[in-house]
Protein backbone atom coordinates (compact mmCIF):
# COMPACT_ATOMS: atom_id res chain seq x y z
CA UNK A 1 116.09 123.64 105.01
CA UNK A 2 119.87 123.42 104.55
CA UNK A 3 121.73 120.46 103.10
CA UNK A 4 123.86 120.08 106.20
CA UNK A 5 120.71 119.97 108.35
CA UNK A 6 119.32 117.20 106.16
CA UNK A 7 122.56 115.28 106.46
CA UNK A 8 122.68 115.65 110.24
CA UNK A 9 119.06 114.58 110.59
CA UNK A 10 119.63 111.57 108.33
CA UNK A 11 122.72 110.44 110.23
CA UNK A 12 121.00 110.79 113.61
CA UNK A 13 118.05 108.55 112.71
CA UNK A 14 117.75 105.41 114.84
CA UNK A 15 117.02 101.99 113.38
CA UNK A 16 113.43 101.91 114.58
CA UNK A 17 112.53 105.39 113.40
CA UNK A 18 110.69 106.69 110.35
CA UNK A 19 113.49 107.76 108.00
CA UNK A 20 111.75 109.92 105.44
CA UNK A 21 109.64 111.74 108.02
CA UNK A 22 112.50 112.30 110.43
CA UNK A 23 114.83 113.54 107.72
CA UNK A 24 112.33 116.10 106.52
CA UNK A 25 110.64 117.06 109.76
CA UNK A 26 113.70 117.06 112.00
CA UNK A 27 115.48 119.40 109.63
CA UNK A 28 112.42 121.64 109.45
CA UNK A 29 111.92 121.59 113.21
CA UNK A 30 108.44 120.13 112.84
CA UNK A 31 106.80 117.21 114.68
CA UNK A 32 106.05 113.91 112.98
CA UNK A 33 102.49 113.53 111.79
CA UNK A 34 102.54 109.77 111.28
CA UNK A 35 101.27 107.30 113.82
CA UNK A 36 102.19 103.66 114.15
CA UNK A 37 105.69 102.29 113.73
CA UNK A 38 106.43 102.08 110.03
CA UNK A 39 110.09 101.21 109.59
CA UNK A 40 112.38 103.11 107.20
CA UNK A 41 113.91 101.57 104.14
CA UNK A 42 117.45 102.30 105.13
CA UNK A 43 117.45 99.85 108.05
CA UNK A 44 117.93 96.86 105.79
CA UNK A 45 120.08 94.56 103.65
CA UNK A 46 119.18 93.43 100.20
CA UNK A 47 119.61 89.75 99.43
CA UNK A 48 118.65 87.06 96.98
CA UNK A 49 115.47 85.06 97.02
CA UNK A 50 116.60 81.43 96.95
CA UNK A 51 115.21 79.78 93.84
CA UNK A 52 112.13 80.86 91.92
CA UNK A 53 108.45 80.46 92.61
CA UNK A 54 107.40 77.15 91.10
CA UNK A 55 104.47 74.85 90.62
CA UNK A 56 105.31 71.20 90.12
CA UNK A 57 108.96 72.20 89.78
CA UNK A 58 108.31 74.46 86.79
CA UNK A 59 109.20 78.14 87.09
CA UNK A 60 106.48 80.59 86.13
CA UNK A 61 105.85 84.30 85.81
CA UNK A 62 102.93 86.57 85.16
CA UNK A 63 102.14 88.22 81.86
CA UNK A 64 102.68 91.73 83.27
CA UNK A 65 106.15 90.94 84.54
CA UNK A 66 107.47 94.50 84.09
CA UNK A 67 105.41 95.71 87.06
CA UNK A 68 106.55 92.93 89.37
CA UNK A 69 110.15 93.25 88.22
CA UNK A 70 110.05 96.96 89.12
CA UNK A 71 107.95 96.84 92.26
CA UNK A 72 109.10 93.55 93.79
CA UNK A 73 112.69 93.29 92.61
CA UNK A 74 115.84 94.80 94.13
CA UNK A 75 115.56 98.31 92.59
CA UNK A 76 119.06 98.11 91.15
CA UNK A 77 120.74 97.61 94.52
CA UNK A 78 122.37 94.31 93.67
CA UNK A 79 122.17 91.28 95.91
CA UNK A 80 122.88 92.97 99.24
CA UNK A 81 123.33 96.23 101.07
CA UNK A 82 124.55 96.34 104.66
CA UNK A 83 125.14 99.24 107.04
CA UNK A 84 125.75 99.93 110.70
CA UNK A 85 123.82 102.42 112.79
CA UNK A 86 124.58 103.72 116.27
CA UNK A 87 122.14 103.51 119.17
CA UNK A 88 121.63 106.12 121.90
CA UNK A 89 124.18 104.33 124.14
CA UNK A 90 126.84 104.43 121.46
CA UNK A 91 126.45 100.75 120.61
CA UNK A 92 126.66 99.94 116.91
CA UNK A 93 124.00 97.76 115.28
CA UNK A 94 123.95 96.11 111.87
CA UNK A 95 120.70 95.90 109.93
CA UNK A 96 119.68 93.90 106.90
CA UNK A 97 116.92 93.76 104.34
CA UNK A 98 116.35 91.04 101.76
CA UNK A 99 114.60 91.79 98.48
CA UNK A 100 112.72 89.45 96.18
CA UNK A 101 113.48 88.67 92.55
CA UNK A 102 110.36 90.21 91.01
CA UNK A 103 108.98 86.86 89.85
CA UNK A 104 105.25 86.49 90.60
CA UNK A 105 102.94 83.45 90.59
CA UNK A 106 100.43 82.95 87.82
CA UNK A 107 97.64 83.57 90.35
CA UNK A 108 98.54 87.28 90.26
CA UNK A 109 97.91 87.59 86.54
CA UNK A 110 95.25 90.23 86.06
CA UNK A 111 95.91 91.85 89.46
CA UNK A 112 97.92 94.75 88.03
CA UNK A 113 95.87 97.82 87.15
CA UNK A 114 97.06 100.48 84.72
CA UNK A 115 96.61 103.90 86.31
CA UNK A 116 98.24 106.25 83.76
CA UNK A 117 97.58 109.50 85.63
CA UNK A 118 99.77 112.59 85.99
CA UNK A 119 100.05 115.80 87.97
CA UNK A 120 102.36 118.78 87.51
CA UNK A 121 103.57 121.42 89.93
CA UNK A 122 106.59 123.61 90.72
CA UNK A 123 108.38 122.35 87.60
CA UNK A 124 107.86 118.67 88.45
CA UNK A 125 105.74 116.01 86.77
CA UNK A 126 104.54 112.95 88.69
CA UNK A 127 103.41 110.10 86.43
CA UNK A 128 101.64 107.16 88.06
CA UNK A 129 101.95 103.95 86.05
CA UNK A 130 100.62 100.68 87.51
CA UNK A 131 99.29 99.47 90.84
CA UNK A 132 98.31 96.27 92.61
CA UNK A 133 96.40 96.28 95.91
CA UNK A 134 95.01 93.62 98.24
CA UNK A 135 91.99 93.35 100.52
CA UNK A 136 94.13 94.52 103.46
CA UNK A 137 94.47 97.90 101.72
CA UNK A 138 98.16 97.31 100.96
CA UNK A 139 100.23 97.12 97.80
CA UNK A 140 102.63 98.98 95.53
CA UNK A 141 102.41 101.49 92.71
CA UNK A 142 105.11 102.39 90.18
CA UNK A 143 105.78 106.03 89.28
CA UNK A 144 108.11 108.47 87.56
CA UNK A 145 109.00 111.87 89.00
CA UNK A 146 110.74 114.21 86.57
CA UNK A 147 112.02 117.76 86.31
CA UNK A 148 114.09 118.97 83.31
CA UNK A 149 116.01 121.23 85.70
CA UNK A 150 116.85 118.35 88.02
CA UNK A 151 115.07 116.42 90.77
CA UNK A 152 116.25 117.71 94.15
CA UNK A 153 116.66 114.52 96.18
CA UNK A 154 119.03 113.34 98.91
CA UNK A 155 121.73 111.24 97.25
CA UNK A 156 123.02 109.30 100.33
CA UNK A 157 119.50 108.02 101.04
CA UNK A 158 119.10 107.00 97.39
CA UNK A 159 122.26 104.91 97.62
CA UNK A 160 120.39 102.77 100.15
CA UNK A 161 117.22 102.64 98.04
CA UNK A 162 115.21 105.35 99.82
CA UNK A 163 113.73 108.27 97.91
CA UNK A 164 113.84 111.42 100.08
CA UNK A 165 113.14 114.80 98.50
CA UNK A 166 114.03 118.29 99.70
CA UNK A 167 110.43 119.44 99.95
CA UNK A 168 111.19 122.61 101.90
CA UNK A 169 113.93 123.97 99.65
CA UNK A 170 113.25 126.43 96.86
CA UNK A 171 112.54 124.57 93.66
CA UNK A 172 111.81 121.30 95.42
CA UNK A 173 108.78 119.14 96.10
CA UNK A 174 107.94 116.68 98.82
CA UNK A 175 108.23 112.92 98.45
CA UNK A 176 105.08 111.79 96.58
CA UNK A 177 102.17 110.71 98.77
CA UNK A 178 98.87 108.86 98.35
CA UNK A 179 95.31 109.37 99.56
CA UNK A 180 92.22 107.18 99.85
CA UNK A 181 89.58 109.88 99.49
CA UNK A 182 90.62 112.56 101.98
CA UNK A 183 92.60 110.15 104.17
CA UNK A 184 96.32 109.75 103.57
CA UNK A 185 97.97 106.35 103.36
CA UNK A 186 101.18 105.28 105.06
CA UNK A 187 103.74 105.11 102.24
CA UNK A 188 107.41 104.43 101.51
CA UNK A 189 109.10 105.32 98.22
CA UNK A 190 112.09 103.61 96.66
CA UNK A 191 114.26 104.66 93.74
CA UNK A 192 115.36 102.38 90.90
CA UNK A 193 119.03 103.23 90.62
CA UNK A 194 119.54 101.46 87.28
CA UNK A 195 116.98 103.53 85.37
CA UNK A 196 116.95 106.86 87.25
CA UNK A 197 118.96 110.01 86.60
CA UNK A 198 119.32 113.51 88.04
CA UNK A 199 116.24 114.62 86.07
CA UNK A 200 114.09 111.46 85.97
CA UNK A 201 113.35 109.27 88.98
CA UNK A 202 111.72 105.89 88.45
CA UNK A 203 110.42 104.48 91.68
CA UNK A 204 107.90 102.43 93.57
CA UNK A 205 105.57 103.59 96.33
CA UNK A 206 104.56 100.95 98.90
CA UNK A 207 101.44 101.72 100.88
CA UNK A 208 99.07 100.63 103.61
CA UNK A 209 95.71 102.21 104.38
CA UNK A 210 95.02 103.35 107.93
CA UNK A 211 91.49 101.93 107.95
CA UNK A 212 90.69 99.50 105.16
CA UNK A 213 86.94 99.37 105.90
CA UNK A 214 86.79 103.13 105.45
CA UNK A 215 89.52 103.77 102.91
CA UNK A 216 88.77 101.06 100.36
CA UNK A 217 85.40 102.64 99.65
CA UNK A 218 87.13 105.68 98.18
CA UNK A 219 89.00 106.48 94.99
CA UNK A 220 92.76 107.05 95.14
CA UNK A 221 94.85 110.13 94.34
CA UNK A 222 98.59 110.78 94.38
CA UNK A 223 100.12 114.08 95.43
CA UNK A 224 103.16 116.33 95.41
CA UNK A 225 103.53 119.47 97.51
CA UNK A 226 105.94 122.33 98.02
CA UNK A 227 106.34 125.49 100.08
CA UNK A 228 105.94 128.98 98.68
CA UNK A 229 107.10 132.03 100.58
CA UNK A 230 109.18 132.26 103.75
CA UNK A 231 108.60 132.79 107.43
CA UNK A 232 105.07 133.73 108.44
CA UNK A 233 104.11 134.09 104.78
CA UNK A 234 105.10 130.53 103.90
CA UNK A 235 102.33 128.25 102.71
CA UNK A 236 102.23 124.67 101.50
CA UNK A 237 100.81 124.05 98.03
CA UNK A 238 99.62 120.54 97.18
CA UNK A 239 98.45 119.25 93.81
CA UNK A 240 96.88 115.87 93.12
CA UNK A 241 96.22 113.54 90.22
CA UNK A 242 92.65 112.93 89.10
CA UNK A 243 90.89 110.22 91.11
CA UNK A 244 91.51 106.59 90.27
CA UNK A 245 88.80 104.02 91.05
CA UNK A 246 90.28 100.70 92.10
CA UNK A 247 88.92 97.90 89.95
CA UNK A 248 90.24 94.76 91.64
CA UNK A 249 91.69 93.62 94.95
CA UNK A 250 93.97 90.62 95.46
CA UNK A 251 92.32 88.15 97.82
CA UNK A 252 93.63 87.50 101.31
CA UNK A 253 93.87 84.09 102.97
CA UNK A 254 92.62 83.78 106.54
CA UNK A 255 94.65 81.99 109.20
CA UNK A 256 93.90 81.87 112.91
CA UNK A 257 95.25 81.00 116.35
CA UNK A 258 92.52 80.55 118.97
CA UNK A 259 90.53 83.79 118.68
CA UNK A 260 93.29 85.79 117.01
CA UNK A 261 92.84 86.10 113.21
CA UNK A 262 95.43 86.84 110.54
CA UNK A 263 94.96 87.76 106.90
CA UNK A 264 97.78 87.20 104.44
CA UNK A 265 98.19 88.08 100.77
CA UNK A 266 101.16 88.24 98.39
CA UNK A 267 101.56 91.89 99.43
CA UNK A 268 100.86 92.00 103.16
CA UNK A 269 100.23 90.34 106.51
CA UNK A 270 97.61 91.71 108.89
CA UNK A 271 97.08 90.56 112.47
CA UNK A 272 94.30 91.56 114.85
CA UNK A 273 95.13 90.96 118.51
CA UNK A 274 92.90 92.54 121.14
CA UNK A 275 94.29 91.11 124.38
CA UNK A 276 98.00 91.93 124.14
CA UNK A 277 97.55 95.58 125.11
CA UNK A 278 99.21 98.69 123.77
CA UNK A 279 102.58 97.86 125.31
CA UNK A 280 103.10 94.61 123.39
CA UNK A 281 106.13 94.57 121.11
CA UNK A 282 106.56 92.20 118.18
CA UNK A 283 110.11 90.93 117.73
CA UNK A 284 109.91 88.32 115.00
CA UNK A 285 107.46 87.49 112.21
CA UNK A 286 108.04 84.39 110.09
CA UNK A 287 106.14 82.74 107.23
CA UNK A 288 106.57 78.94 107.00
CA UNK A 289 106.02 77.16 103.68
CA UNK A 290 105.00 73.61 102.81
CA UNK A 291 108.53 72.67 101.79
CA UNK A 292 109.87 73.68 105.20
CA UNK A 293 111.45 76.93 104.05
CA UNK A 294 110.92 80.16 105.95
CA UNK A 295 110.43 83.78 104.91
CA UNK A 296 111.47 86.05 107.76
CA UNK A 297 109.61 89.34 107.59
CA UNK A 298 111.14 90.75 110.74
CA UNK A 299 113.70 89.57 113.30
CA UNK A 300 114.94 92.15 115.79
CA UNK A 301 117.63 89.87 117.20
CA UNK A 302 119.15 89.31 113.76
CA UNK A 303 118.62 92.90 112.61
CA UNK A 304 116.44 91.72 109.72
CA UNK A 305 113.75 94.12 108.53
CA UNK A 306 112.41 92.57 105.35
CA UNK A 307 109.47 94.90 104.88
CA UNK A 308 108.67 98.33 103.49
CA UNK A 309 105.80 99.28 105.80
CA UNK A 310 105.08 98.23 109.39
CA UNK A 311 101.96 99.92 110.64
CA UNK A 312 100.08 99.71 113.95
CA UNK A 313 96.45 100.73 113.57
CA UNK A 314 94.41 102.01 116.51
CA UNK A 315 91.98 99.06 116.47
CA UNK A 316 94.51 96.37 117.39
CA UNK A 317 95.50 95.61 113.80
CA UNK A 318 99.13 95.41 112.70
CA UNK A 319 100.20 95.47 109.06
CA UNK A 320 103.43 94.49 107.33
CA UNK A 321 104.19 95.00 103.62
CA UNK A 322 107.16 92.69 102.89
CA UNK A 323 110.03 93.17 100.47
CA UNK A 324 109.37 89.74 98.93
CA UNK A 325 106.11 88.52 97.46
CA UNK A 326 104.48 85.88 99.66
CA UNK A 327 103.53 82.63 97.91
CA UNK A 328 100.22 82.38 99.74
CA UNK A 329 99.16 79.04 98.23
CA UNK A 330 102.26 77.41 99.72
CA UNK A 331 101.96 78.94 103.22
CA UNK A 332 101.48 76.47 106.09
CA UNK A 333 101.65 78.87 109.04
CA UNK A 334 102.80 82.25 110.29
CA UNK A 335 104.59 82.71 113.62
CA UNK A 336 104.57 85.96 115.58
CA UNK A 337 106.91 86.29 118.57
CA UNK A 338 107.06 89.24 120.92
CA UNK A 339 106.89 90.62 124.45
CA UNK A 340 103.83 91.66 126.43
CA UNK A 341 104.40 94.35 129.06
CA UNK A 342 102.10 94.68 132.08
CA UNK A 343 102.24 97.05 135.05
CA UNK A 344 101.08 96.47 138.62
CA UNK A 345 101.63 99.58 140.67
CA UNK A 346 105.27 100.50 140.15
CA UNK A 347 106.21 97.01 139.00
CA UNK A 348 106.46 96.28 135.31
CA UNK A 349 106.52 92.73 134.02
CA UNK A 350 107.65 91.57 130.60
CA UNK A 351 106.26 88.28 129.36
CA UNK A 352 107.30 86.71 126.04
CA UNK A 353 104.59 85.33 123.77
CA UNK A 354 104.43 83.22 120.63
CA UNK A 355 101.38 83.00 118.38
CA UNK A 356 101.21 80.43 115.61
CA UNK A 357 98.63 81.05 112.89
CA UNK A 358 97.63 78.13 110.70
């Protein structure tokens, strides 16, 4: 995999594509292996969270604030990052992502689990530090990836907060991944620009399980992989940490609209809609709080993609892992807006829908 191929693949990515996968697989000439529609980190702007989480007007934070500051802060990107990306028609689009301030409610005290596991391979060391996970099978884990000879990662992606590694090049490893048992999780990795260097990368991995009923029964491992040999003799080597048994899950709160349920936690929102069909497209997802304020998770019209993972499971479930912690105790409702597409013969009809969960 050549550097110019990586650059071309990165620059050709569309706003609704999977950045890390397309960068690596497009350059390697390989098909994507992910399903769903997880959105890349680079389609976003980083902004400020207005105010701080408060109870009775008094600001609060958890005891283990270092985890939340790392995992749910702005990763050293400042208050905002904005970029423009071209569509297939040549039209330019601007995308934004807002990050939280890393301040967590007292209710999350005790939710952070110390992992403290490591794995080495191809000159690299992956250290897994701390993790928090909810009952939806979503969360974030902090890690360090180091190599005394230098970590081979794509610098332009890192400037936008995305960690993309040259897994196919000699002396490189793939972007770290995560498994529940033998099943891989959908993940996105960020880089903390303030504390990282050419030899030590401090980052956060955001994840969502593909099937929480199945996956949450299994221990977790984290992995790095690399390619040895060339051509027909090439083979992928993968090494994993020892297994980690999850000790606690952050509770979800159930909301509903008619027969359509939703489960929300500080780390994720999960919907389960059976009657919209496979062709339904969600355009906007908004959390409304008791004080009237709104937390926009996604808004296609505004180009706002305030999430790390957006995953469509095969059983009608959709998952979002937001960039800001959700203050679940203060949530009044969640609104999902989208378009349902139906076909009758050669005629296709698009019908907008709005679902309000409360």
